[in-house]
Amino acid sequence: MSTNVHTDNAGQSKARPERRVSTETKASFKSSELIAYVLAVLGVLIASAVVDASDFGPQEAWFYVTLLTIGYMVSRGLAKSGSREFFDDDNR
């Protein structure tokens, strides 16, 4: 790691990393949100296959999958809105 030497207010020389960069947030496949979303979608689709079609048919199941997808997309958007994942230049 390359460093710059700078002097603080007390006249002390200190070494620090040259540059600190960040991504917006961690990748979606690394988040627990994706696991919860996939399990919920599977649960809805399995329930619609097991239950009598007059109670909970494919149309309702896909409606709930659509709602789950909208919720997942909103949650990822909120997660990306203000968070950062930092790393140093030499770790690219």
N, C-alpha and C. Protein backbone atom coordinates (compact mmCIF):
# COMPACT_ATOMS: atom_id res chain seq x y z
N MET A 1 0.84 -1.16 0.00
CA MET A 1 0.00 0.00 0.00
C MET A 1 0.89 1.23 0.00
N SER A 2 0.67 2.16 -0.88
CA SER A 2 1.45 3.38 -0.90
C SER A 2 0.87 4.35 0.12
N THR A 3 1.74 5.18 0.69
CA THR A 3 1.28 6.11 1.71
C THR A 3 1.80 7.50 1.41
N ASN A 4 1.08 8.47 1.90
CA ASN A 4 1.52 9.86 1.89
C ASN A 4 1.86 10.23 3.31
N VAL A 5 2.87 11.07 3.48
CA VAL A 5 3.20 11.56 4.80
C VAL A 5 2.63 12.96 4.90
N HIS A 6 1.85 13.19 5.95
CA HIS A 6 1.30 14.52 6.18
C HIS A 6 1.60 14.95 7.60
N THR A 7 1.50 16.24 7.82
CA THR A 7 1.78 16.79 9.14
C THR A 7 0.47 17.25 9.75
N ASP A 8 0.20 16.82 11.00
CA ASP A 8 -1.03 17.24 11.67
C ASP A 8 -0.82 18.60 12.35
N ASN A 9 -1.80 19.07 13.08
CA ASN A 9 -1.75 20.39 13.72
C ASN A 9 -0.63 20.50 14.75
N ALA A 10 -0.21 19.40 15.36
CA ALA A 10 0.83 19.43 16.38
C ALA A 10 2.23 19.30 15.77
N GLY A 11 2.34 19.28 14.46
CA GLY A 11 3.63 19.16 13.80
C GLY A 11 4.14 17.74 13.71
N GLN A 12 3.32 16.76 14.02
CA GLN A 12 3.69 15.35 13.96
C GLN A 12 3.51 14.85 12.52
N SER A 13 4.48 14.09 12.04
CA SER A 13 4.36 13.48 10.72
C SER A 13 3.67 12.13 10.87
N LYS A 14 2.69 11.90 10.03
CA LYS A 14 1.96 10.63 10.08
C LYS A 14 1.81 10.10 8.66
N ALA A 15 1.85 8.77 8.55
CA ALA A 15 1.63 8.13 7.26
C ALA A 15 0.17 7.72 7.16
N ARG A 16 -0.40 7.84 6.00
CA ARG A 16 -1.79 7.43 5.79
C ARG A 16 -1.93 6.86 4.38
N PRO A 17 -2.96 6.06 4.15
CA PRO A 17 -3.17 5.53 2.81
C PRO A 17 -3.37 6.66 1.80
N GLU A 18 -2.93 6.40 0.59
CA GLU A 18 -3.00 7.45 -0.41
C GLU A 18 -4.43 7.86 -0.74
N ARG A 19 -5.29 6.88 -0.94
CA ARG A 19 -6.66 7.21 -1.33
C ARG A 19 -7.59 6.12 -0.86
N ARG A 20 -8.76 6.49 -0.42
CA ARG A 20 -9.78 5.54 0.03
C ARG A 20 -10.98 5.71 -0.89
N VAL A 21 -11.37 4.65 -1.58
CA VAL A 21 -12.49 4.71 -2.51
C VAL A 21 -13.60 3.79 -2.02
N SER A 22 -14.78 3.92 -2.61
CA SER A 22 -15.90 3.10 -2.14
C SER A 22 -16.82 2.73 -3.30
N THR A 23 -17.56 1.65 -3.07
CA THR A 23 -18.65 1.29 -3.96
C THR A 23 -19.92 1.78 -3.29
N GLU A 24 -21.06 1.68 -3.98
CA GLU A 24 -22.30 2.14 -3.37
C GLU A 24 -22.66 1.30 -2.17
N THR A 25 -22.71 0.01 -2.33
CA THR A 25 -23.03 -0.91 -1.24
C THR A 25 -22.59 -2.29 -1.67
N LYS A 26 -22.68 -3.26 -0.79
CA LYS A 26 -22.23 -4.59 -1.18
C LYS A 26 -23.16 -5.19 -2.22
N ALA A 27 -22.65 -6.14 -2.96
CA ALA A 27 -23.41 -6.77 -4.04
C ALA A 27 -24.66 -7.45 -3.50
N SER A 28 -25.70 -7.49 -4.31
CA SER A 28 -26.99 -8.04 -3.85
C SER A 28 -26.90 -9.51 -3.48
N PHE A 29 -26.05 -10.28 -4.17
CA PHE A 29 -25.96 -11.70 -3.85
C PHE A 29 -25.27 -11.95 -2.51
N LYS A 30 -24.63 -10.93 -1.95
CA LYS A 30 -24.00 -11.05 -0.64
C LYS A 30 -24.95 -10.66 0.50
N SER A 31 -26.14 -10.19 0.17
CA SER A 31 -27.04 -9.68 1.21
C SER A 31 -28.05 -10.74 1.65
N SER A 32 -28.52 -10.60 2.87
CA SER A 32 -29.55 -11.52 3.37
C SER A 32 -30.91 -11.20 2.76
N GLU A 33 -31.06 -10.00 2.19
CA GLU A 33 -32.31 -9.63 1.54
C GLU A 33 -32.61 -10.57 0.37
N LEU A 34 -31.59 -10.92 -0.40
CA LEU A 34 -31.80 -11.79 -1.55
C LEU A 34 -32.25 -13.17 -1.11
N ILE A 35 -31.63 -13.68 -0.07
CA ILE A 35 -32.01 -15.02 0.43
C ILE A 35 -33.45 -15.00 0.91
N ALA A 36 -33.84 -13.96 1.66
CA ALA A 36 -35.21 -13.86 2.16
C ALA A 36 -36.19 -13.74 0.99
N TYR A 37 -35.83 -12.97 -0.03
CA TYR A 37 -36.70 -12.79 -1.20
C TYR A 37 -36.90 -14.11 -1.94
N VAL A 38 -35.82 -14.83 -2.19
CA VAL A 38 -35.91 -16.10 -2.92
C VAL A 38 -36.74 -17.11 -2.14
N LEU A 39 -36.53 -17.19 -0.82
CA LEU A 39 -37.30 -18.12 0.00
C LEU A 39 -38.78 -17.75 0.03
N ALA A 40 -39.09 -16.46 0.09
CA ALA A 40 -40.48 -16.03 0.09
C ALA A 40 -41.16 -16.35 -1.25
N VAL A 41 -40.46 -16.11 -2.35
CA VAL A 41 -41.03 -16.43 -3.67
C VAL A 41 -41.26 -17.93 -3.80
N LEU A 42 -40.29 -18.72 -3.39
CA LEU A 42 -40.47 -20.18 -3.43
C LEU A 42 -41.64 -20.62 -2.57
N GLY A 43 -41.77 -20.02 -1.39
CA GLY A 43 -42.88 -20.35 -0.50
C GLY A 43 -44.23 -20.05 -1.13
N VAL A 44 -44.34 -18.90 -1.77
CA VAL A 44 -45.60 -18.53 -2.43
C VAL A 44 -45.91 -19.48 -3.58
N LEU A 45 -44.92 -19.79 -4.40
CA LEU A 45 -45.16 -20.66 -5.55
C LEU A 45 -45.46 -22.10 -5.12
N ILE A 46 -44.78 -22.58 -4.10
CA ILE A 46 -45.07 -23.93 -3.59
C ILE A 46 -46.46 -23.97 -2.98
N ALA A 47 -46.81 -22.94 -2.22
CA ALA A 47 -48.15 -22.90 -1.62
C ALA A 47 -49.24 -22.89 -2.68
N SER A 48 -49.02 -22.16 -3.76
CA SER A 48 -50.04 -22.13 -4.81
C SER A 48 -50.15 -23.47 -5.54
N ALA A 49 -49.07 -24.22 -5.57
CA ALA A 49 -49.11 -25.53 -6.22
C ALA A 49 -49.77 -26.58 -5.33
N VAL A 50 -49.63 -26.42 -4.02
CA VAL A 50 -50.14 -27.42 -3.07
C VAL A 50 -51.61 -27.20 -2.75
N VAL A 51 -52.00 -25.95 -2.58
CA VAL A 51 -53.36 -25.61 -2.16
C VAL A 51 -54.32 -25.72 -3.35
N ASP A 52 -55.58 -25.93 -3.03
CA ASP A 52 -56.63 -26.00 -4.06
C ASP A 52 -56.67 -24.69 -4.84
N ALA A 53 -56.78 -24.77 -6.15
CA ALA A 53 -56.73 -23.59 -7.03
C ALA A 53 -57.87 -22.61 -6.75
N SER A 54 -58.98 -23.09 -6.19
CA SER A 54 -60.08 -22.16 -5.90
C SER A 54 -59.75 -21.26 -4.71
N ASP A 55 -58.86 -21.72 -3.81
CA ASP A 55 -58.47 -20.90 -2.66
C ASP A 55 -57.32 -19.96 -2.98
N PHE A 56 -56.30 -20.49 -3.62
CA PHE A 56 -55.08 -19.72 -3.87
C PHE A 56 -54.47 -20.22 -5.17
N GLY A 57 -54.88 -19.60 -6.26
CA GLY A 57 -54.45 -20.08 -7.57
C GLY A 57 -53.23 -19.36 -8.09
N PRO A 58 -52.87 -19.69 -9.31
CA PRO A 58 -51.66 -19.10 -9.91
C PRO A 58 -51.74 -17.58 -10.08
N GLN A 59 -52.94 -17.07 -10.35
CA GLN A 59 -53.06 -15.63 -10.53
C GLN A 59 -52.71 -14.88 -9.24
N GLU A 60 -53.23 -15.36 -8.12
CA GLU A 60 -52.91 -14.73 -6.83
C GLU A 60 -51.43 -14.92 -6.49
N ALA A 61 -50.90 -16.11 -6.78
CA ALA A 61 -49.50 -16.39 -6.48
C ALA A 61 -48.58 -15.43 -7.23
N TRP A 62 -48.81 -15.24 -8.51
CA TRP A 62 -47.95 -14.33 -9.28
C TRP A 62 -48.15 -12.88 -8.87
N PHE A 63 -49.35 -12.53 -8.40
CA PHE A 63 -49.57 -11.19 -7.87
C PHE A 63 -48.70 -10.97 -6.63
N TYR A 64 -48.66 -11.96 -5.74
CA TYR A 64 -47.82 -11.86 -4.54
C TYR A 64 -46.34 -11.87 -4.88
N VAL A 65 -45.96 -12.62 -5.88
CA VAL A 65 -44.55 -12.61 -6.32
C VAL A 65 -44.19 -11.22 -6.85
N THR A 66 -45.12 -10.60 -7.57
CA THR A 66 -44.89 -9.24 -8.07
C THR A 66 -44.72 -8.26 -6.91
N LEU A 67 -45.58 -8.38 -5.89
CA LEU A 67 -45.45 -7.51 -4.72
C LEU A 67 -44.13 -7.74 -3.99
N LEU A 68 -43.73 -9.00 -3.87
CA LEU A 68 -42.45 -9.30 -3.25
C LEU A 68 -41.29 -8.69 -4.04
N THR A 69 -41.38 -8.76 -5.36
CA THR A 69 -40.33 -8.19 -6.21
C THR A 69 -40.25 -6.68 -6.05
N ILE A 70 -41.39 -6.03 -6.00
CA ILE A 70 -41.41 -4.58 -5.79
C ILE A 70 -40.79 -4.25 -4.43
N GLY A 71 -41.16 -5.00 -3.41
CA GLY A 71 -40.59 -4.78 -2.08
C GLY A 71 -39.09 -4.98 -2.05
N TYR A 72 -38.62 -6.02 -2.74
CA TYR A 72 -37.18 -6.28 -2.80
C TYR A 72 -36.45 -5.14 -3.51
N MET A 73 -37.01 -4.67 -4.61
CA MET A 73 -36.37 -3.58 -5.35
C MET A 73 -36.31 -2.30 -4.52
N VAL A 74 -37.38 -2.01 -3.78
CA VAL A 74 -37.39 -0.82 -2.91
C VAL A 74 -36.36 -0.98 -1.80
N SER A 75 -36.29 -2.16 -1.20
CA SER A 75 -35.33 -2.36 -0.11
C SER A 75 -33.89 -2.23 -0.60
N ARG A 76 -33.59 -2.72 -1.80
CA ARG A 76 -32.24 -2.56 -2.36
C ARG A 76 -31.95 -1.09 -2.66
N GLY A 77 -32.96 -0.39 -3.14
CA GLY A 77 -32.77 1.04 -3.40
C GLY A 77 -32.49 1.81 -2.13
N LEU A 78 -33.20 1.49 -1.05
CA LEU A 78 -32.95 2.15 0.22
C LEU A 78 -31.58 1.77 0.77
N ALA A 79 -31.17 0.53 0.57
CA ALA A 79 -29.85 0.11 1.05
C ALA A 79 -28.74 0.84 0.31
N LYS A 80 -28.95 1.12 -0.96
CA LYS A 80 -27.91 1.80 -1.75
C LYS A 80 -27.93 3.30 -1.56
N SER A 81 -29.00 3.85 -1.00
CA SER A 81 -29.15 5.30 -0.98
C SER A 81 -28.12 6.02 -0.12
N GLY A 82 -27.62 5.40 0.93
CA GLY A 82 -26.70 6.15 1.77
C GLY A 82 -25.53 5.36 2.29
N SER A 83 -25.35 4.15 1.87
CA SER A 83 -24.27 3.35 2.43
C SER A 83 -23.11 3.25 1.44
N ARG A 84 -21.95 2.99 2.00
CA ARG A 84 -20.75 2.83 1.19
C ARG A 84 -19.98 1.63 1.69
N GLU A 85 -19.29 0.94 0.80
CA GLU A 85 -18.37 -0.14 1.16
C GLU A 85 -16.98 0.34 0.77
N PHE A 86 -16.14 0.65 1.75
CA PHE A 86 -14.83 1.25 1.49
C PHE A 86 -13.76 0.19 1.23
N PHE A 87 -12.79 0.57 0.41
CA PHE A 87 -11.61 -0.24 0.17
C PHE A 87 -10.49 0.67 -0.29
N ASP A 88 -9.26 0.23 -0.11
CA ASP A 88 -8.11 1.02 -0.52
C ASP A 88 -7.84 0.81 -2.00
N ASP A 89 -7.09 1.76 -2.59
CA ASP A 89 -6.76 1.69 -4.01
C ASP A 89 -6.12 0.39 -4.42
N ASP A 90 -5.21 -0.14 -3.61
CA ASP A 90 -4.46 -1.30 -4.01
C ASP A 90 -5.25 -2.62 -3.86
N ASN A 91 -6.47 -2.58 -3.36
CA ASN A 91 -7.29 -3.78 -3.18
C ASN A 91 -8.29 -4.00 -4.30
N ARG A 92 -8.12 -3.38 -5.41
CA ARG A 92 -9.11 -3.47 -6.50
C ARG A 92 -9.20 -4.82 -7.07
